[in-house]
Amino acid sequence: MTDTARLDALEMRIVHQDEVIEDLNRIVTAQWKEIDRLTREVVTLTERVNLAEQSSAGLEPGEEPPPPHY
């Protein structure tokens, strides 16, 4: 293999690697956005559960409130 052919092969590999790195970067960025969205959703749901627990604070754990006709 001549030096020119080796250099061309290396340049092609670098171009391919750059494309792969850019693809991976886009994927990782999209995943982090999704993780952030899901984290915010978990926080919101946790707050809602805490509020629901506080509204039924007079009950023992595992005890349900009496039905409305009581």
Protein backbone atom coordinates (compact mmCIF):
# COMPACT_ATOMS: atom_id res chain seq x y z
CA MET A 1 0.00 0.00 0.00
CA THR A 2 1.43 3.36 -0.95
CA ASP A 3 1.65 6.28 1.40
CA THR A 4 -1.06 8.12 -0.55
CA ALA A 5 -3.43 5.16 -0.34
CA ARG A 6 -2.76 4.80 3.38
CA LEU A 7 -3.37 8.49 3.92
CA ASP A 8 -6.62 8.31 1.92
CA ALA A 9 -7.77 5.31 3.95
CA LEU A 10 -7.01 7.10 7.21
CA GLU A 11 -8.86 10.21 6.07
CA MET A 12 -11.90 8.13 5.13
CA ARG A 13 -11.84 6.45 8.52
CA ILE A 14 -11.66 9.82 10.27
CA VAL A 15 -14.61 11.14 8.27
CA HIS A 16 -16.61 8.03 9.12
CA GLN A 17 -15.67 8.30 12.80
CA ASP A 18 -16.68 11.98 12.85
CA GLU A 19 -20.10 11.06 11.44
CA VAL A 20 -20.54 8.33 14.05
CA ILE A 21 -19.52 10.69 16.85
CA GLU A 22 -22.06 13.29 15.66
CA ASP A 23 -24.79 10.63 15.51
CA LEU A 24 -23.95 9.45 19.01
CA ASN A 25 -23.92 13.03 20.27
CA ARG A 26 -27.42 13.62 18.85
CA ILE A 27 -28.67 10.41 20.46
CA VAL A 28 -27.15 11.22 23.86
CA THR A 29 -28.58 14.75 23.74
CA ALA A 30 -32.05 13.40 22.92
CA GLN A 31 -31.79 10.87 25.75
CA TRP A 32 -30.80 13.55 28.27
CA LYS A 33 -33.78 15.66 27.20
CA GLU A 34 -36.05 12.66 27.74
CA ILE A 35 -34.43 11.91 31.11
CA ASP A 36 -34.96 15.53 32.18
CA ARG A 37 -38.61 15.38 31.10
CA LEU A 38 -39.18 12.13 32.95
CA THR A 39 -37.43 13.47 36.06
CA ARG A 40 -39.74 16.50 36.09
CA GLU A 41 -42.73 14.20 35.66
CA VAL A 42 -41.62 12.01 38.59
CA VAL A 43 -41.24 15.12 40.77
CA THR A 44 -44.73 16.28 39.79
CA LEU A 45 -46.24 12.87 40.49
CA THR A 46 -44.41 12.63 43.82
CA GLU A 47 -45.82 16.00 44.83
CA ARG A 48 -49.32 14.88 43.85
CA VAL A 49 -48.98 11.69 45.90
CA ASN A 50 -47.71 13.69 48.89
CA LEU A 51 -50.66 16.06 48.62
CA ALA A 52 -53.07 13.12 48.43
CA GLU A 53 -51.45 11.58 51.51
CA GLN A 54 -51.69 14.86 53.39
CA SER A 55 -55.37 15.23 52.52
CA SER A 56 -56.05 11.86 54.11
CA ALA A 57 -53.69 12.49 57.05
CA GLY A 58 -56.27 11.54 59.68
CA LEU A 59 -56.34 7.94 58.51
CA GLU A 60 -54.09 5.10 59.61
CA PRO A 61 -51.69 3.79 56.96
CA GLY A 62 -53.55 1.39 54.71
CA GLU A 63 -56.93 2.55 56.00
CA GLU A 64 -59.36 3.91 53.45
CA PRO A 65 -61.77 6.76 54.14
CA PRO A 66 -65.35 5.70 54.76
CA PRO A 67 -67.68 5.76 51.77
CA PRO A 68 -69.78 8.89 51.32
CA HIS A 69 -73.02 7.22 52.49
CA TYR A 70 -71.65 6.63 56.04
